[in-house]
């Protein structure tokens, strides 16, 4: 129990540290709020697109394993491979 509390404290400290550094950088540089919003939107959009592409490859890989590889490997079992 004590370890989990320490782990939570460490996690929150590191997240506060990162947000604190980013906040300090933004305060010092003071970009226009529109630029921050556009930058955030670009960041989210680019990584969402990359995630969608990777998800399509994941679906293709699972389909290949399920519909091509497993039937090829188990074809020696005859009709029993369906089970």
PDB file of N, CA and C in Angstrom:
ATOM      1  N   UNK A   1       0.831  -1.190   0.000  1.00  0.00           N
ATOM      2  CA  UNK A   1       0.000   0.000   0.000  1.00  0.00           C
ATOM      3  C   UNK A   1       0.871   1.247   0.000  1.00  0.00           C
ATOM      4  N   UNK A   2       1.941   1.189   0.782  1.00  0.00           N
ATOM      5  CA  UNK A   2       2.822   2.340   0.884  1.00  0.00           C
ATOM      6  C   UNK A   2       3.536   2.590  -0.438  1.00  0.00           C
ATOM      7  N   UNK A   3       3.895   1.506  -1.135  1.00  0.00           N
ATOM      8  CA  UNK A   3       4.581   1.650  -2.414  1.00  0.00           C
ATOM      9  C   UNK A   3       3.678   2.292  -3.458  1.00  0.00           C
ATOM     10  N   UNK A   4       2.406   1.940  -3.461  1.00  0.00           N
ATOM     11  CA  UNK A   4       1.498   2.504  -4.460  1.00  0.00           C
ATOM     12  C   UNK A   4       1.311   4.002  -4.246  1.00  0.00           C
ATOM     13  N   UNK A   5       1.270   4.439  -2.983  1.00  0.00           N
ATOM     14  CA  UNK A   5       1.147   5.874  -2.714  1.00  0.00           C
ATOM     15  C   UNK A   5       2.387   6.617  -3.193  1.00  0.00           C
ATOM     16  N   UNK A   6       3.575   6.022  -2.969  1.00  0.00           N
ATOM     17  CA  UNK A   6       4.805   6.649  -3.434  1.00  0.00           C
ATOM     18  C   UNK A   6       4.835   6.701  -4.952  1.00  0.00           C
ATOM     19  N   UNK A   7       4.330   5.666  -5.587  1.00  0.00           N
ATOM     20  CA  UNK A   7       4.300   5.616  -7.045  1.00  0.00           C
ATOM     21  C   UNK A   7       3.382   6.705  -7.603  1.00  0.00           C
ATOM     22  N   UNK A   8       2.241   6.900  -6.970  1.00  0.00           N
ATOM     23  CA  UNK A   8       1.313   7.945  -7.405  1.00  0.00           C
ATOM     24  C   UNK A   8       1.954   9.314  -7.227  1.00  0.00           C
ATOM     25  N   UNK A   9       2.633   9.516  -6.104  1.00  0.00           N
ATOM     26  CA  UNK A   9       3.291  10.795  -5.871  1.00  0.00           C
ATOM     27  C   UNK A   9       4.360  11.053  -6.924  1.00  0.00           C
ATOM     28  N   UNK A  10       5.134  10.028  -7.280  1.00  0.00           N
ATOM     29  CA  UNK A  10       6.174  10.178  -8.289  1.00  0.00           C
ATOM     30  C   UNK A  10       5.570  10.507  -9.641  1.00  0.00           C
ATOM     31  N   UNK A  11       4.488   9.835  -9.998  1.00  0.00           N
ATOM     32  CA  UNK A  11       3.837  10.090 -11.278  1.00  0.00           C
ATOM     33  C   UNK A  11       3.303  11.509 -11.344  1.00  0.00           C
ATOM     34  N   UNK A  12       2.657  11.947 -10.284  1.00  0.00           N
ATOM     35  CA  UNK A  12       2.106  13.301 -10.311  1.00  0.00           C
ATOM     36  C   UNK A  12       3.216  14.339 -10.299  1.00  0.00           C
ATOM     37  N   UNK A  13       4.308  14.060  -9.613  1.00  0.00           N
ATOM     38  CA  UNK A  13       5.425  15.004  -9.620  1.00  0.00           C
ATOM     39  C   UNK A  13       5.990  15.156 -11.022  1.00  0.00           C
ATOM     40  N   UNK A  14       6.170  14.037 -11.732  1.00  0.00           N
ATOM     41  CA  UNK A  14       6.739  14.128 -13.072  1.00  0.00           C
ATOM     42  C   UNK A  14       5.788  14.835 -14.025  1.00  0.00           C
ATOM     43  N   UNK A  15       4.483  14.602 -13.893  1.00  0.00           N
ATOM     44  CA  UNK A  15       3.545  15.295 -14.773  1.00  0.00           C
ATOM     45  C   UNK A  15       3.504  16.781 -14.454  1.00  0.00           C
ATOM     46  N   UNK A  16       3.585  17.141 -13.168  1.00  0.00           N
ATOM     47  CA  UNK A  16       3.638  18.556 -12.815  1.00  0.00           C
ATOM     48  C   UNK A  16       4.934  19.182 -13.311  1.00  0.00           C
ATOM     49  N   UNK A  17       6.017  18.413 -13.279  1.00  0.00           N
ATOM     50  CA  UNK A  17       7.298  18.919 -13.755  1.00  0.00           C
ATOM     51  C   UNK A  17       7.227  19.224 -15.244  1.00  0.00           C
ATOM     52  N   UNK A  18       6.643  18.294 -16.022  1.00  0.00           N
ATOM     53  CA  UNK A  18       6.525  18.517 -17.460  1.00  0.00           C
ATOM     54  C   UNK A  18       5.602  19.681 -17.763  1.00  0.00           C
ATOM     55  N   UNK A  19       4.458  19.722 -17.101  1.00  0.00           N
ATOM     56  CA  UNK A  19       3.538  20.831 -17.355  1.00  0.00           C
ATOM     57  C   UNK A  19       4.131  22.140 -16.858  1.00  0.00           C
ATOM     58  N   UNK A  20       4.904  22.093 -15.795  1.00  0.00           N
ATOM     59  CA  UNK A  20       5.549  23.298 -15.294  1.00  0.00           C
ATOM     60  C   UNK A  20       6.594  23.829 -16.263  1.00  0.00           C
ATOM     61  N   UNK A  21       7.375  22.914 -16.842  1.00  0.00           N
ATOM     62  CA  UNK A  21       8.384  23.336 -17.817  1.00  0.00           C
ATOM     63  C   UNK A  21       7.728  23.914 -19.060  1.00  0.00           C
ATOM     64  N   UNK A  22       6.659  23.255 -19.535  1.00  0.00           N
ATOM     65  CA  UNK A  22       5.953  23.754 -20.709  1.00  0.00           C
ATOM     66  C   UNK A  22       5.304  25.097 -20.412  1.00  0.00           C
ATOM     67  N   UNK A  23       4.712  25.219 -19.241  1.00  0.00           N
ATOM     68  CA  UNK A  23       4.106  26.489 -18.850  1.00  0.00           C
ATOM     69  C   UNK A  23       5.130  27.603 -18.748  1.00  0.00           C
ATOM     70  N   UNK A  24       6.298  27.284 -18.189  1.00  0.00           N
ATOM     71  CA  UNK A  24       7.363  28.281 -18.089  1.00  0.00           C
ATOM     72  C   UNK A  24       7.833  28.712 -19.468  1.00  0.00           C
ATOM     73  N   UNK A  25       7.976  27.757 -20.361  1.00  0.00           N
ATOM     74  CA  UNK A  25       8.401  28.071 -21.725  1.00  0.00           C
ATOM     75  C   UNK A  25       7.375  28.944 -22.430  1.00  0.00           C
ATOM     76  N   UNK A  26       6.095  28.598 -22.291  1.00  0.00           N
ATOM     77  CA  UNK A  26       5.049  29.391 -22.933  1.00  0.00           C
ATOM     78  C   UNK A  26       4.940  30.782 -22.319  1.00  0.00           C
ATOM     79  N   UNK A  27       5.147  30.885 -21.005  1.00  0.00           N
ATOM     80  CA  UNK A  27       5.114  32.201 -20.361  1.00  0.00           C
ATOM     81  C   UNK A  27       6.279  33.073 -20.826  1.00  0.00           C
ATOM     82  N   UNK A  28       7.430  32.472 -20.982  1.00  0.00           N
ATOM     83  CA  UNK A  28       8.601  33.238 -21.391  1.00  0.00           C
ATOM     84  C   UNK A  28       8.496  33.663 -22.857  1.00  0.00           C
ATOM     85  N   UNK A  29       8.045  32.762 -23.722  1.00  0.00           N
ATOM     86  CA  UNK A  29       7.968  33.050 -25.152  1.00  0.00           C
ATOM     87  C   UNK A  29       6.716  33.854 -25.493  1.00  0.00           C
ATOM     88  N   UNK A  30       5.616  33.595 -24.824  1.00  0.00           N
ATOM     89  CA  UNK A  30       4.320  34.252 -24.981  1.00  0.00           C
ATOM     90  C   UNK A  30       3.831  34.284 -26.432  1.00  0.00           C
ATOM     91  N   UNK A  31       3.592  33.092 -27.008  1.00  0.00           N
ATOM     92  CA  UNK A  31       3.040  33.071 -28.362  1.00  0.00           C
ATOM     93  C   UNK A  31       1.569  33.470 -28.325  1.00  0.00           C
ATOM     94  N   UNK A  32       1.033  33.924 -29.448  1.00  0.00           N
ATOM     95  CA  UNK A  32      -0.398  34.237 -29.490  1.00  0.00           C
ATOM     96  C   UNK A  32      -1.225  32.980 -29.223  1.00  0.00           C
ATOM     97  N   UNK A  33      -2.373  33.151 -28.602  1.00  0.00           N
ATOM     98  CA  UNK A  33      -3.187  31.987 -28.239  1.00  0.00           C
ATOM     99  C   UNK A  33      -3.643  31.221 -29.472  1.00  0.00           C
ATOM    100  N   UNK A  34      -3.867  31.927 -30.576  1.00  0.00           N
ATOM    101  CA  UNK A  34      -4.255  31.245 -31.812  1.00  0.00           C
ATOM    102  C   UNK A  34      -3.170  30.313 -32.313  1.00  0.00           C
ATOM    103  N   UNK A  35      -1.913  30.722 -32.158  1.00  0.00           N
ATOM    104  CA  UNK A  35      -0.794  29.884 -32.582  1.00  0.00           C
ATOM    105  C   UNK A  35      -0.704  28.621 -31.730  1.00  0.00           C
ATOM    106  N   UNK A  36      -0.943  28.762 -30.446  1.00  0.00           N
ATOM    107  CA  UNK A  36      -0.933  27.594 -29.557  1.00  0.00           C
ATOM    108  C   UNK A  36      -2.054  26.635 -29.941  1.00  0.00           C
ATOM    109  N   UNK A  37      -3.235  27.162 -30.232  1.00  0.00           N
ATOM    110  CA  UNK A  37      -4.360  26.307 -30.620  1.00  0.00           C
ATOM    111  C   UNK A  37      -4.103  25.616 -31.952  1.00  0.00           C
ATOM    112  N   UNK A  38      -3.547  26.345 -32.916  1.00  0.00           N
ATOM    113  CA  UNK A  38      -3.244  25.741 -34.213  1.00  0.00           C
ATOM    114  C   UNK A  38      -2.165  24.676 -34.064  1.00  0.00           C
ATOM    115  N   UNK A  39      -1.148  24.965 -33.267  1.00  0.00           N
ATOM    116  CA  UNK A  39      -0.091  23.978 -33.036  1.00  0.00           C
ATOM    117  C   UNK A  39      -0.618  22.723 -32.368  1.00  0.00           C
ATOM    118  N   UNK A  40      -1.477  22.899 -31.387  1.00  0.00           N
ATOM    119  CA  UNK A  40      -2.078  21.750 -30.711  1.00  0.00           C
ATOM    120  C   UNK A  40      -2.958  20.954 -31.661  1.00  0.00           C
ATOM    121  N   UNK A  41      -3.730  21.655 -32.493  1.00  0.00           N
ATOM    122  CA  UNK A  41      -4.595  20.972 -33.461  1.00  0.00           C
ATOM    123  C   UNK A  41      -3.767  20.193 -34.478  1.00  0.00           C
ATOM    124  N   UNK A  42      -2.664  20.777 -34.945  1.00  0.00           N
ATOM    125  CA  UNK A  42      -1.791  20.068 -35.883  1.00  0.00           C
ATOM    126  C   UNK A  42      -1.178  18.832 -35.234  1.00  0.00           C
ATOM    127  N   UNK A  43      -0.708  18.989 -34.010  1.00  0.00           N
ATOM    128  CA  UNK A  43      -0.107  17.869 -33.288  1.00  0.00           C
ATOM    129  C   UNK A  43      -1.106  16.723 -33.128  1.00  0.00           C
ATOM    130  N   UNK A  44      -2.300  17.049 -32.671  1.00  0.00           N
ATOM    131  CA  UNK A  44      -3.333  16.026 -32.470  1.00  0.00           C
ATOM    132  C   UNK A  44      -3.736  15.407 -33.802  1.00  0.00           C
ATOM    133  N   UNK A  45      -3.908  16.225 -34.830  1.00  0.00           N
ATOM    134  CA  UNK A  45      -4.321  15.716 -36.131  1.00  0.00           C
ATOM    135  C   UNK A  45      -3.295  14.801 -36.765  1.00  0.00           C
ATOM    136  N   UNK A  46      -2.031  15.187 -36.702  1.00  0.00           N
ATOM    137  CA  UNK A  46      -0.973  14.364 -37.299  1.00  0.00           C
ATOM    138  C   UNK A  46      -0.882  13.022 -36.595  1.00  0.00           C
ATOM    139  N   UNK A  47      -0.865  13.033 -35.273  1.00  0.00           N
ATOM    140  CA  UNK A  47      -0.731  11.769 -34.560  1.00  0.00           C
ATOM    141  C   UNK A  47      -1.998  10.923 -34.626  1.00  0.00           C
ATOM    142  N   UNK A  48      -3.156  11.541 -34.797  1.00  0.00           N
ATOM    143  CA  UNK A  48      -4.379  10.773 -35.015  1.00  0.00           C
ATOM    144  C   UNK A  48      -4.326  10.077 -36.368  1.00  0.00           C
ATOM    145  N   UNK A  49      -3.838  10.779 -37.381  1.00  0.00           N
ATOM    146  CA  UNK A  49      -3.687  10.176 -38.705  1.00  0.00           C
ATOM    147  C   UNK A  49      -2.710   9.018 -38.698  1.00  0.00           C
ATOM    148  N   UNK A  50      -1.588   9.193 -38.014  1.00  0.00           N
ATOM    149  CA  UNK A  50      -0.612   8.108 -37.909  1.00  0.00           C
ATOM    150  C   UNK A  50      -1.226   6.923 -37.171  1.00  0.00           C
ATOM    151  N   UNK A  51      -1.974   7.198 -36.119  1.00  0.00           N
ATOM    152  CA  UNK A  51      -2.646   6.125 -35.381  1.00  0.00           C
ATOM    153  C   UNK A  51      -3.660   5.390 -36.235  1.00  0.00           C
ATOM    154  N   UNK A  52      -4.388   6.113 -37.085  1.00  0.00           N
ATOM    155  CA  UNK A  52      -5.374   5.473 -37.962  1.00  0.00           C
ATOM    156  C   UNK A  52      -4.690   4.570 -38.978  1.00  0.00           C
ATOM    157  N   UNK A  53      -3.565   5.022 -39.519  1.00  0.00           N
ATOM    158  CA  UNK A  53      -2.826   4.198 -40.479  1.00  0.00           C
ATOM    159  C   UNK A  53      -2.305   2.940 -39.800  1.00  0.00           C
ATOM    160  N   UNK A  54      -1.729   3.085 -38.619  1.00  0.00           N
ATOM    161  CA  UNK A  54      -1.233   1.916 -37.887  1.00  0.00           C
ATOM    162  C   UNK A  54      -2.367   0.963 -37.527  1.00  0.00           C
ATOM    163  N   UNK A  55      -3.535   1.504 -37.197  1.00  0.00           N
ATOM    164  CA  UNK A  55      -4.686   0.666 -36.872  1.00  0.00           C
ATOM    165  C   UNK A  55      -5.124  -0.139 -38.093  1.00  0.00           C
ATOM    166  N   UNK A  56      -5.084   0.460 -39.281  1.00  0.00           N
ATOM    167  CA  UNK A  56      -5.445  -0.277 -40.497  1.00  0.00           C
ATOM    168  C   UNK A  56      -4.461  -1.413 -40.751  1.00  0.00           C
ATOM    169  N   UNK A  57      -3.148  -1.161 -40.534  1.00  0.00           N
ATOM    170  CA  UNK A  57      -2.161  -2.227 -40.680  1.00  0.00           C
ATOM    171  C   UNK A  57      -2.390  -3.328 -39.647  1.00  0.00           C
ATOM    172  N   UNK A  58      -2.776  -2.963 -38.444  1.00  0.00           N
ATOM    173  CA  UNK A  58      -3.075  -3.946 -37.409  1.00  0.00           C
ATOM    174  C   UNK A  58      -4.249  -4.822 -37.820  1.00  0.00           C
ATOM    175  N   UNK A  59      -5.298  -4.213 -38.357  1.00  0.00           N
ATOM    176  CA  UNK A  59      -6.458  -4.978 -38.817  1.00  0.00           C
ATOM    177  C   UNK A  59      -6.057  -5.912 -39.946  1.00  0.00           C
ATOM    178  N   UNK A  60      -5.248  -5.427 -40.887  1.00  0.00           N
ATOM    179  CA  UNK A  60      -4.791  -6.274 -41.993  1.00  0.00           C
ATOM    180  C   UNK A  60      -3.958  -7.445 -41.480  1.00  0.00           C
ATOM    181  N   UNK A  61      -3.108  -7.189 -40.497  1.00  0.00           N
ATOM    182  CA  UNK A  61      -2.283  -8.256 -39.934  1.00  0.00           C
ATOM    183  C   UNK A  61      -3.108  -9.321 -39.236  1.00  0.00           C
ATOM    184  N   UNK A  62      -4.094  -8.907 -38.471  1.00  0.00           N
ATOM    185  CA  UNK A  62      -4.960  -9.867 -37.782  1.00  0.00           C
ATOM    186  C   UNK A  62      -5.776 -10.664 -38.793  1.00  0.00           C
ATOM    187  N   UNK A  63      -6.252 -10.003 -39.847  1.00  0.00           N
ATOM    188  CA  UNK A  63      -7.006 -10.708 -40.885  1.00  0.00           C
ATOM    189  C   UNK A  63      -6.118 -11.715 -41.601  1.00  0.00           C
ATOM    190  N   UNK A  64      -4.865 -11.343 -41.870  1.00  0.00           N
ATOM    191  CA  UNK A  64      -3.943 -12.264 -42.538  1.00  0.00           C
ATOM    192  C   UNK A  64      -3.689 -13.500 -41.669  1.00  0.00           C
ATOM    193  N   UNK A  65      -3.466 -13.282 -40.385  1.00  0.00           N
ATOM    194  CA  UNK A  65      -3.234 -14.419 -39.485  1.00  0.00           C
ATOM    195  C   UNK A  65      -4.467 -15.306 -39.423  1.00  0.00           C
ATOM    196  N   UNK A  66      -5.627 -14.713 -39.292  1.00  0.00           N
ATOM    197  CA  UNK A  66      -6.849 -15.496 -39.119  1.00  0.00           C
ATOM    198  C   UNK A  66      -7.332 -16.193 -40.370  1.00  0.00           C
ATOM    199  N   UNK A  67      -7.157 -15.562 -41.539  1.00  0.00           N
ATOM    200  CA  UNK A  67      -7.736 -16.111 -42.760  1.00  0.00           C
ATOM    201  C   UNK A  67      -6.735 -16.752 -43.706  1.00  0.00           C
ATOM    202  N   UNK A  68      -5.424 -16.522 -43.524  1.00  0.00           N
ATOM    203  CA  UNK A  68      -4.441 -17.131 -44.412  1.00  0.00           C
ATOM    204  C   UNK A  68      -3.448 -18.016 -43.671  1.00  0.00           C
ATOM    205  N   UNK A  69      -2.822 -17.469 -42.636  1.00  0.00           N
ATOM    206  CA  UNK A  69      -1.748 -18.202 -41.991  1.00  0.00           C
ATOM    207  C   UNK A  69      -2.261 -19.421 -41.230  1.00  0.00           C
ATOM    208  N   UNK A  70      -3.274 -19.258 -40.395  1.00  0.00           N
ATOM    209  CA  UNK A  70      -3.796 -20.384 -39.611  1.00  0.00           C
ATOM    210  C   UNK A  70      -4.333 -21.489 -40.514  1.00  0.00           C
ATOM    211  N   UNK A  71      -5.117 -21.188 -41.566  1.00  0.00           N
ATOM    212  CA  UNK A  71      -5.560 -22.273 -42.445  1.00  0.00           C
ATOM    213  C   UNK A  71      -4.401 -22.978 -43.156  1.00  0.00           C
ATOM    214  N   UNK A  72      -3.340 -22.251 -43.527  1.00  0.00           N
ATOM    215  CA  UNK A  72      -2.190 -22.894 -44.162  1.00  0.00           C
ATOM    216  C   UNK A  72      -1.464 -23.814 -43.190  1.00  0.00           C
ATOM    217  N   UNK A  73      -1.295 -23.368 -41.966  1.00  0.00           N
ATOM    218  CA  UNK A  73      -0.562 -24.156 -40.972  1.00  0.00           C
ATOM    219  C   UNK A  73      -1.357 -25.387 -40.556  1.00  0.00           C
ATOM    220  N   UNK A  74      -2.659 -25.255 -40.451  1.00  0.00           N
ATOM    221  CA  UNK A  74      -3.482 -26.363 -39.966  1.00  0.00           C
ATOM    222  C   UNK A  74      -4.170 -27.128 -41.089  1.00  0.00           C
ATOM    223  N   UNK A  75      -3.779 -26.901 -42.346  1.00  0.00           N
ATOM    224  CA  UNK A  75      -4.452 -27.592 -43.450  1.00  0.00           C
ATOM    225  C   UNK A  75      -4.197 -29.095 -43.431  1.00  0.00           C
ATOM    226  N   UNK A  76      -3.138 -29.536 -42.796  1.00  0.00           N
ATOM    227  CA  UNK A  76      -2.851 -30.958 -42.702  1.00  0.00           C
ATOM    228  C   UNK A  76      -3.824 -31.702 -41.802  1.00  0.00           C
ATOM    229  N   UNK A  77      -4.593 -31.007 -41.027  1.00  0.00           N
ATOM    230  CA  UNK A  77      -5.556 -31.643 -40.136  1.00  0.00           C
ATOM    231  C   UNK A  77      -6.853 -32.001 -40.849  1.00  0.00           C
ATOM    232  N   UNK A  78      -6.986 -31.602 -42.085  1.00  0.00           N
ATOM    233  CA  UNK A  78      -8.221 -31.866 -42.819  1.00  0.00           C
ATOM    234  C   UNK A  78      -9.292 -30.886 -42.402  1.00  0.00           C
ATOM    235  N   UNK A  79     -10.515 -31.374 -42.306  1.00  0.00           N
ATOM    236  CA  UNK A  79     -11.616 -30.487 -41.940  1.00  0.00           C
ATOM    237  C   UNK A  79     -11.630 -30.163 -40.449  1.00  0.00           C
ATOM    238  N   UNK A  80     -10.778 -30.788 -39.676  1.00  0.00           N
ATOM    239  CA  UNK A  80     -10.752 -30.557 -38.231  1.00  0.00           C
ATOM    240  C   UNK A  80     -10.213 -29.173 -37.881  1.00  0.00           C
ATOM    241  N   UNK A  81      -9.515 -28.513 -38.805  1.00  0.00           N
ATOM    242  CA  UNK A  81      -8.947 -27.212 -38.473  1.00  0.00           C
ATOM    243  C   UNK A  81     -10.026 -26.147 -38.296  1.00  0.00           C
ATOM    244  N   UNK A  82     -11.222 -26.411 -38.778  1.00  0.00           N
ATOM    245  CA  UNK A  82     -12.318 -25.463 -38.614  1.00  0.00           C
ATOM    246  C   UNK A  82     -12.689 -25.350 -37.142  1.00  0.00           C
ATOM    247  N   UNK A  83     -12.614 -26.454 -36.433  1.00  0.00           N
ATOM    248  CA  UNK A  83     -12.955 -26.475 -35.020  1.00  0.00           C
ATOM    249  C   UNK A  83     -11.874 -25.749 -34.272  1.00  0.00           C
TER     250      UNK A  83
END
